[in-house]
Amino acid sequence: KKKFVGKSGKAPRGKVQHGKRKFKKDSGPP
């Protein structure tokens, strides 16, 4: 699939490349 790149050469905000999504750690008690 073609990646959409803006004029600045950066990926659009809110989208992360496949395989590079970050998950938040659970802040609750262990």
PDB file of all heavy atoms in Angstrom:
ATOM      1  N   LYS A   1       0.845  -1.207   0.000  1.00  0.00           N
ATOM      2  CA  LYS A   1       0.000   0.000   0.000  1.00  0.00           C
ATOM      3  C   LYS A   1       0.863   1.232   0.000  1.00  0.00           C
ATOM      4  O   LYS A   1       1.880   1.287   0.664  1.00  0.00           O
ATOM      5  CB  LYS A   1      -0.929   0.000   1.224  1.00  0.00           C
ATOM      6  CG  LYS A   1      -1.959  -1.105   1.173  1.00  0.00           C
ATOM      7  CD  LYS A   1      -2.866  -0.999   2.380  1.00  0.00           C
ATOM      8  CE  LYS A   1      -3.922  -2.097   2.360  1.00  0.00           C
ATOM      9  NZ  LYS A   1      -4.796  -2.025   3.532  1.00  0.00           N
ATOM     10  N   LYS A   2       0.406   2.216  -0.727  1.00  0.00           N
ATOM     11  CA  LYS A   2       1.132   3.485  -0.787  1.00  0.00           C
ATOM     12  C   LYS A   2       0.912   4.261   0.499  1.00  0.00           C
ATOM     13  O   LYS A   2      -0.201   4.335   1.023  1.00  0.00           O
ATOM     14  CB  LYS A   2       0.665   4.314  -1.975  1.00  0.00           C
ATOM     15  CG  LYS A   2       1.082   3.720  -3.308  1.00  0.00           C
ATOM     16  CD  LYS A   2       0.632   4.647  -4.447  1.00  0.00           C
ATOM     17  CE  LYS A   2       1.063   4.061  -5.795  1.00  0.00           C
ATOM     18  NZ  LYS A   2       0.653   4.939  -6.927  1.00  0.00           N
ATOM     19  N   LYS A   3       1.981   4.795   0.972  1.00  0.00           N
ATOM     20  CA  LYS A   3       1.894   5.627   2.193  1.00  0.00           C
ATOM     21  C   LYS A   3       1.673   7.072   1.807  1.00  0.00           C
ATOM     22  O   LYS A   3       2.339   7.581   0.918  1.00  0.00           O
ATOM     23  CB  LYS A   3       3.174   5.512   3.007  1.00  0.00           C
ATOM     24  CG  LYS A   3       3.415   4.107   3.528  1.00  0.00           C
ATOM     25  CD  LYS A   3       4.713   4.060   4.277  1.00  0.00           C
ATOM     26  CE  LYS A   3       4.973   2.635   4.753  1.00  0.00           C
ATOM     27  NZ  LYS A   3       6.259   2.565   5.456  1.00  0.00           N
ATOM     28  N   PHE A   4       0.711   7.724   2.483  1.00  0.00           N
ATOM     29  CA  PHE A   4       0.451   9.139   2.214  1.00  0.00           C
ATOM     30  C   PHE A   4       1.403   9.982   3.035  1.00  0.00           C
ATOM     31  O   PHE A   4       1.480   9.857   4.244  1.00  0.00           O
ATOM     32  CB  PHE A   4      -0.999   9.485   2.548  1.00  0.00           C
ATOM     33  CG  PHE A   4      -1.321  10.929   2.330  1.00  0.00           C
ATOM     34  CD1 PHE A   4      -1.561  11.400   1.041  1.00  0.00           C
ATOM     35  CD2 PHE A   4      -1.347  11.823   3.390  1.00  0.00           C
ATOM     36  CE1 PHE A   4      -1.857  12.719   0.847  1.00  0.00           C
ATOM     37  CE2 PHE A   4      -1.638  13.141   3.190  1.00  0.00           C
ATOM     38  CZ  PHE A   4      -1.889  13.606   1.920  1.00  0.00           C
ATOM     39  N   VAL A   5       2.129  10.783   2.345  1.00  0.00           N
ATOM     40  CA  VAL A   5       3.098  11.656   3.024  1.00  0.00           C
ATOM     41  C   VAL A   5       2.761  13.087   2.664  1.00  0.00           C
ATOM     42  O   VAL A   5       2.492  13.395   1.492  1.00  0.00           O
ATOM     43  CB  VAL A   5       4.544  11.330   2.597  1.00  0.00           C
ATOM     44  CG1 VAL A   5       5.535  12.222   3.321  1.00  0.00           C
ATOM     45  CG2 VAL A   5       4.847   9.865   2.859  1.00  0.00           C
ATOM     46  N   GLY A   6       2.768  13.942   3.648  1.00  0.00           N
ATOM     47  CA  GLY A   6       2.456  15.361   3.415  1.00  0.00           C
ATOM     48  C   GLY A   6       3.628  16.101   2.822  1.00  0.00           C
ATOM     49  O   GLY A   6       4.649  15.522   2.476  1.00  0.00           O
ATOM     50  N   LYS A   7       3.446  17.417   2.722  1.00  0.00           N
ATOM     51  CA  LYS A   7       4.498  18.258   2.161  1.00  0.00           C
ATOM     52  C   LYS A   7       5.747  18.233   3.028  1.00  0.00           C
ATOM     53  O   LYS A   7       6.866  18.318   2.558  1.00  0.00           O
ATOM     54  CB  LYS A   7       4.006  19.693   2.020  1.00  0.00           C
ATOM     55  CG  LYS A   7       2.942  19.828   0.961  1.00  0.00           C
ATOM     56  CD  LYS A   7       2.505  21.282   0.878  1.00  0.00           C
ATOM     57  CE  LYS A   7       1.406  21.439  -0.186  1.00  0.00           C
ATOM     58  NZ  LYS A   7       0.978  22.841  -0.276  1.00  0.00           N
ATOM     59  N   SER A   8       5.529  18.157   4.343  1.00  0.00           N
ATOM     60  CA  SER A   8       6.686  18.186   5.264  1.00  0.00           C
ATOM     61  C   SER A   8       7.420  16.872   5.284  1.00  0.00           C
ATOM     62  O   SER A   8       8.477  16.743   5.875  1.00  0.00           O
ATOM     63  CB  SER A   8       6.241  18.529   6.684  1.00  0.00           C
ATOM     64  OG  SER A   8       5.326  17.557   7.143  1.00  0.00           O
ATOM     65  N   GLY A   9       6.843  15.853   4.675  1.00  0.00           N
ATOM     66  CA  GLY A   9       7.490  14.542   4.646  1.00  0.00           C
ATOM     67  C   GLY A   9       7.174  13.681   5.840  1.00  0.00           C
ATOM     68  O   GLY A   9       7.766  12.624   6.012  1.00  0.00           O
ATOM     69  N   LYS A  10       6.250  14.090   6.678  1.00  0.00           N
ATOM     70  CA  LYS A  10       5.888  13.340   7.886  1.00  0.00           C
ATOM     71  C   LYS A  10       4.557  12.656   7.681  1.00  0.00           C
ATOM     72  O   LYS A  10       3.742  13.103   6.873  1.00  0.00           O
ATOM     73  CB  LYS A  10       5.814  14.253   9.099  1.00  0.00           C
ATOM     74  CG  LYS A  10       7.171  14.827   9.477  1.00  0.00           C
ATOM     75  CD  LYS A  10       7.010  15.705  10.702  1.00  0.00           C
ATOM     76  CE  LYS A  10       8.351  16.278  11.104  1.00  0.00           C
ATOM     77  NZ  LYS A  10       8.224  17.151  12.290  1.00  0.00           N
ATOM     78  N   ALA A  11       4.344  11.600   8.391  1.00  0.00           N
ATOM     79  CA  ALA A  11       3.067  10.879   8.329  1.00  0.00           C
ATOM     80  C   ALA A  11       1.980  11.715   8.980  1.00  0.00           C
ATOM     81  O   ALA A  11       2.260  12.540   9.842  1.00  0.00           O
ATOM     82  CB  ALA A  11       3.219   9.536   9.033  1.00  0.00           C
ATOM     83  N   PRO A  12       0.717  11.508   8.593  1.00  0.00           N
ATOM     84  CA  PRO A  12      -0.371  12.300   9.202  1.00  0.00           C
ATOM     85  C   PRO A  12      -0.516  12.014  10.693  1.00  0.00           C
ATOM     86  O   PRO A  12      -0.215  10.926  11.165  1.00  0.00           O
ATOM     87  CB  PRO A  12      -1.601  11.842   8.423  1.00  0.00           C
ATOM     88  CG  PRO A  12      -1.250  10.500   7.893  1.00  0.00           C
ATOM     89  CD  PRO A  12       0.235  10.531   7.612  1.00  0.00           C
ATOM     90  N   ARG A  13      -0.978  13.058  11.408  1.00  0.00           N
ATOM     91  CA  ARG A  13      -1.138  12.965  12.870  1.00  0.00           C
ATOM     92  C   ARG A  13      -2.222  11.955  13.208  1.00  0.00           C
ATOM     93  O   ARG A  13      -3.271  11.936  12.560  1.00  0.00           O
ATOM     94  CB  ARG A  13      -1.503  14.332  13.438  1.00  0.00           C
ATOM     95  CG  ARG A  13      -1.493  14.371  14.965  1.00  0.00           C
ATOM     96  CD  ARG A  13      -1.809  15.759  15.449  1.00  0.00           C
ATOM     97  NE  ARG A  13      -0.746  16.680  15.068  1.00  0.00           N
ATOM     98  CZ  ARG A  13      -0.795  17.986  15.285  1.00  0.00           C
ATOM     99  NH1 ARG A  13      -1.874  18.518  15.845  1.00  0.00           N
ATOM    100  NH2 ARG A  13       0.212  18.771  14.937  1.00  0.00           N
ATOM    101  N   GLY A  14      -1.994  11.196  14.237  1.00  0.00           N
ATOM    102  CA  GLY A  14      -2.976  10.221  14.694  1.00  0.00           C
ATOM    103  C   GLY A  14      -2.795   8.858  14.093  1.00  0.00           C
ATOM    104  O   GLY A  14      -3.420   7.886  14.518  1.00  0.00           O
ATOM    105  N   LYS A  15      -1.976   8.724  13.113  1.00  0.00           N
ATOM    106  CA  LYS A  15      -1.743   7.426  12.496  1.00  0.00           C
ATOM    107  C   LYS A  15      -0.301   7.007  12.750  1.00  0.00           C
ATOM    108  O   LYS A  15       0.610   7.798  12.612  1.00  0.00           O
ATOM    109  CB  LYS A  15      -2.011   7.481  11.012  1.00  0.00           C
ATOM    110  CG  LYS A  15      -3.483   7.691  10.689  1.00  0.00           C
ATOM    111  CD  LYS A  15      -3.725   7.617   9.200  1.00  0.00           C
ATOM    112  CE  LYS A  15      -5.208   7.775   8.894  1.00  0.00           C
ATOM    113  NZ  LYS A  15      -5.463   7.695   7.440  1.00  0.00           N
ATOM    114  N   VAL A  16      -0.151   5.774  13.090  1.00  0.00           N
ATOM    115  CA  VAL A  16       1.172   5.227  13.368  1.00  0.00           C
ATOM    116  C   VAL A  16       1.429   4.096  12.402  1.00  0.00           C
ATOM    117  O   VAL A  16       0.511   3.362  12.008  1.00  0.00           O
ATOM    118  CB  VAL A  16       1.267   4.709  14.818  1.00  0.00           C
ATOM    119  CG1 VAL A  16       2.691   4.254  15.135  1.00  0.00           C
ATOM    120  CG2 VAL A  16       0.833   5.795  15.783  1.00  0.00           C
ATOM    121  N   GLN A  17       2.631   3.957  12.056  1.00  0.00           N
ATOM    122  CA  GLN A  17       2.983   2.899  11.120  1.00  0.00           C
ATOM    123  C   GLN A  17       2.689   1.530  11.707  1.00  0.00           C
ATOM    124  O   GLN A  17       2.749   1.336  12.919  1.00  0.00           O
ATOM    125  CB  GLN A  17       4.461   3.007  10.758  1.00  0.00           C
ATOM    126  CG  GLN A  17       4.792   4.267   9.989  1.00  0.00           C
ATOM    127  CD  GLN A  17       6.253   4.358   9.685  1.00  0.00           C
ATOM    128  OE1 GLN A  17       7.013   3.405   9.923  1.00  0.00           O
ATOM    129  NE2 GLN A  17       6.674   5.471   9.099  1.00  0.00           N
ATOM    130  N   HIS A  18       2.365   0.594  10.829  1.00  0.00           N
ATOM    131  CA  HIS A  18       2.022  -0.763  11.248  1.00  0.00           C
ATOM    132  C   HIS A  18       3.214  -1.420  11.953  1.00  0.00           C
ATOM    133  O   HIS A  18       4.328  -1.360  11.464  1.00  0.00           O
ATOM    134  CB  HIS A  18       1.611  -1.600  10.008  1.00  0.00           C
ATOM    135  CG  HIS A  18       1.208  -2.986  10.391  1.00  0.00           C
ATOM    136  ND1 HIS A  18       0.058  -3.249  11.088  1.00  0.00           N
ATOM    137  CD2 HIS A  18       1.813  -4.191  10.178  1.00  0.00           C
ATOM    138  CE1 HIS A  18      -0.058  -4.533  11.289  1.00  0.00           C
ATOM    139  NE2 HIS A  18       1.012  -5.161  10.736  1.00  0.00           N
ATOM    140  N   GLY A  19       2.938  -2.007  13.069  1.00  0.00           N
ATOM    141  CA  GLY A  19       3.989  -2.659  13.841  1.00  0.00           C
ATOM    142  C   GLY A  19       4.710  -1.752  14.805  1.00  0.00           C
ATOM    143  O   GLY A  19       5.566  -2.196  15.544  1.00  0.00           O
ATOM    144  N   LYS A  20       4.393  -0.473  14.797  1.00  0.00           N
ATOM    145  CA  LYS A  20       5.057   0.483  15.694  1.00  0.00           C
ATOM    146  C   LYS A  20       4.078   1.165  16.652  1.00  0.00           C
ATOM    147  O   LYS A  20       4.327   2.211  17.183  1.00  0.00           O
ATOM    148  CB  LYS A  20       5.760   1.557  14.878  1.00  0.00           C
ATOM    149  CG  LYS A  20       6.921   1.006  14.079  1.00  0.00           C
ATOM    150  CD  LYS A  20       7.642   2.123  13.379  1.00  0.00           C
ATOM    151  CE  LYS A  20       8.824   1.582  12.586  1.00  0.00           C
ATOM    152  NZ  LYS A  20       9.561   2.698  11.929  1.00  0.00           N
ATOM    153  N   ARG A  21       2.855   0.614  16.845  1.00  0.00           N
ATOM    154  CA  ARG A  21       1.877   1.199  17.775  1.00  0.00           C
ATOM    155  C   ARG A  21       2.321   0.992  19.223  1.00  0.00           C
ATOM    156  O   ARG A  21       2.749  -0.098  19.584  1.00  0.00           O
ATOM    157  CB  ARG A  21       0.504   0.578  17.554  1.00  0.00           C
ATOM    158  CG  ARG A  21      -0.613   1.239  18.358  1.00  0.00           C
ATOM    159  CD  ARG A  21      -1.943   0.589  18.057  1.00  0.00           C
ATOM    160  NE  ARG A  21      -2.346   0.827  16.675  1.00  0.00           N
ATOM    161  CZ  ARG A  21      -2.947   1.933  16.264  1.00  0.00           C
ATOM    162  NH1 ARG A  21      -3.208   2.884  17.122  1.00  0.00           N
ATOM    163  NH2 ARG A  21      -3.275   2.071  15.014  1.00  0.00           N
ATOM    164  N   LYS A  22       2.199   2.049  20.004  1.00  0.00           N
ATOM    165  CA  LYS A  22       2.606   1.993  21.421  1.00  0.00           C
ATOM    166  C   LYS A  22       1.392   1.766  22.291  1.00  0.00           C
ATOM    167  O   LYS A  22       0.339   2.352  22.048  1.00  0.00           O
ATOM    168  CB  LYS A  22       3.290   3.302  21.841  1.00  0.00           C
ATOM    169  CG  LYS A  22       4.612   3.517  21.117  1.00  0.00           C
ATOM    170  CD  LYS A  22       5.228   4.809  21.563  1.00  0.00           C
ATOM    171  CE  LYS A  22       6.554   5.050  20.841  1.00  0.00           C
ATOM    172  NZ  LYS A  22       7.173   6.322  21.265  1.00  0.00           N
ATOM    173  N   PHE A  23       1.571   0.938  23.327  1.00  0.00           N
ATOM    174  CA  PHE A  23       0.481   0.657  24.266  1.00  0.00           C
ATOM    175  C   PHE A  23       0.817   1.286  25.628  1.00  0.00           C
ATOM    176  O   PHE A  23       1.961   1.186  26.081  1.00  0.00           O
ATOM    177  CB  PHE A  23       0.287  -0.855  24.427  1.00  0.00           C
ATOM    178  CG  PHE A  23      -0.156  -1.520  23.153  1.00  0.00           C
ATOM    179  CD1 PHE A  23       0.761  -2.113  22.298  1.00  0.00           C
ATOM    180  CD2 PHE A  23      -1.501  -1.536  22.805  1.00  0.00           C
ATOM    181  CE1 PHE A  23       0.340  -2.721  21.128  1.00  0.00           C
ATOM    182  CE2 PHE A  23      -1.924  -2.145  21.634  1.00  0.00           C
ATOM    183  CZ  PHE A  23      -1.002  -2.736  20.787  1.00  0.00           C
ATOM    184  N   LYS A  24      -0.195   1.910  26.230  1.00  0.00           N
ATOM    185  CA  LYS A  24      -0.005   2.507  27.564  1.00  0.00           C
ATOM    186  C   LYS A  24      -0.017   1.432  28.619  1.00  0.00           C
ATOM    187  O   LYS A  24      -0.810   0.494  28.557  1.00  0.00           O
ATOM    188  CB  LYS A  24      -1.106   3.531  27.883  1.00  0.00           C
ATOM    189  CG  LYS A  24      -1.029   4.764  27.012  1.00  0.00           C
ATOM    190  CD  LYS A  24      -2.111   5.751  27.412  1.00  0.00           C
ATOM    191  CE  LYS A  24      -2.045   6.992  26.540  1.00  0.00           C
ATOM    192  NZ  LYS A  24      -3.102   7.957  26.916  1.00  0.00           N
ATOM    193  N   LYS A  25       0.857   1.622  29.617  1.00  0.00           N
ATOM    194  CA  LYS A  25       0.894   0.679  30.729  1.00  0.00           C
ATOM    195  C   LYS A  25      -0.274   0.916  31.672  1.00  0.00           C
ATOM    196  O   LYS A  25      -0.714   2.049  31.844  1.00  0.00           O
ATOM    197  CB  LYS A  25       2.210   0.830  31.494  1.00  0.00           C
ATOM    198  CG  LYS A  25       3.409   0.394  30.685  1.00  0.00           C
ATOM    199  CD  LYS A  25       4.664   0.508  31.519  1.00  0.00           C
ATOM    200  CE  LYS A  25       5.873   0.064  30.714  1.00  0.00           C
ATOM    201  NZ  LYS A  25       7.110   0.183  31.517  1.00  0.00           N
ATOM    202  N   ASP A  26      -0.723  -0.142  32.290  1.00  0.00           N
ATOM    203  CA  ASP A  26      -1.821  -0.016  33.248  1.00  0.00           C
ATOM    204  C   ASP A  26      -1.316   0.690  34.514  1.00  0.00           C
ATOM    205  O   ASP A  26      -0.339   0.246  35.121  1.00  0.00           O
ATOM    206  CB  ASP A  26      -2.348  -1.410  33.594  1.00  0.00           C
ATOM    207  CG  ASP A  26      -3.620  -1.349  34.402  1.00  0.00           C
ATOM    208  OD1 ASP A  26      -4.130  -0.223  34.562  1.00  0.00           O
ATOM    209  OD2 ASP A  26      -4.087  -2.408  34.864  1.00  0.00           O
ATOM    210  N   SER A  27      -2.004   1.814  34.850  1.00  0.00           N
ATOM    211  CA  SER A  27      -1.577   2.615  36.018  1.00  0.00           C
ATOM    212  C   SER A  27      -2.143   2.120  37.331  1.00  0.00           C
ATOM    213  O   SER A  27      -1.877   2.692  38.372  1.00  0.00           O
ATOM    214  CB  SER A  27      -1.982   4.087  35.822  1.00  0.00           C
ATOM    215  OG  SER A  27      -3.381   4.157  35.687  1.00  0.00           O
ATOM    216  N   GLY A  28      -2.989   1.088  37.294  1.00  0.00           N
ATOM    217  CA  GLY A  28      -3.622   0.585  38.526  1.00  0.00           C
ATOM    218  C   GLY A  28      -2.655  -0.154  39.400  1.00  0.00           C
ATOM    219  O   GLY A  28      -1.492  -0.370  39.033  1.00  0.00           O
ATOM    220  N   PRO A  29      -3.105  -0.565  40.602  1.00  0.00           N
ATOM    221  CA  PRO A  29      -2.225  -1.283  41.525  1.00  0.00           C
ATOM    222  C   PRO A  29      -1.848  -2.640  40.978  1.00  0.00           C
ATOM    223  O   PRO A  29      -2.604  -3.251  40.216  1.00  0.00           O
ATOM    224  CB  PRO A  29      -3.068  -1.413  42.789  1.00  0.00           C
ATOM    225  CG  PRO A  29      -4.464  -1.336  42.311  1.00  0.00           C
ATOM    226  CD  PRO A  29      -4.454  -0.440  41.110  1.00  0.00           C
ATOM    227  N   PRO A  30      -0.678  -3.102  41.344  1.00  0.00           N
ATOM    228  CA  PRO A  30      -0.252  -4.422  40.839  1.00  0.00           C
ATOM    229  C   PRO A  30      -1.119  -5.536  41.379  1.00  0.00           C
ATOM    230  O   PRO A  30      -1.586  -5.467  42.516  1.00  0.00           O
ATOM    231  CB  PRO A  30       1.186  -4.544  41.376  1.00  0.00           C
ATOM    232  CG  PRO A  30       1.233  -3.648  42.544  1.00  0.00           C
ATOM    233  CD  PRO A  30       0.298  -2.525  42.232  1.00  0.00           C
TER     234      PRO A  30
END
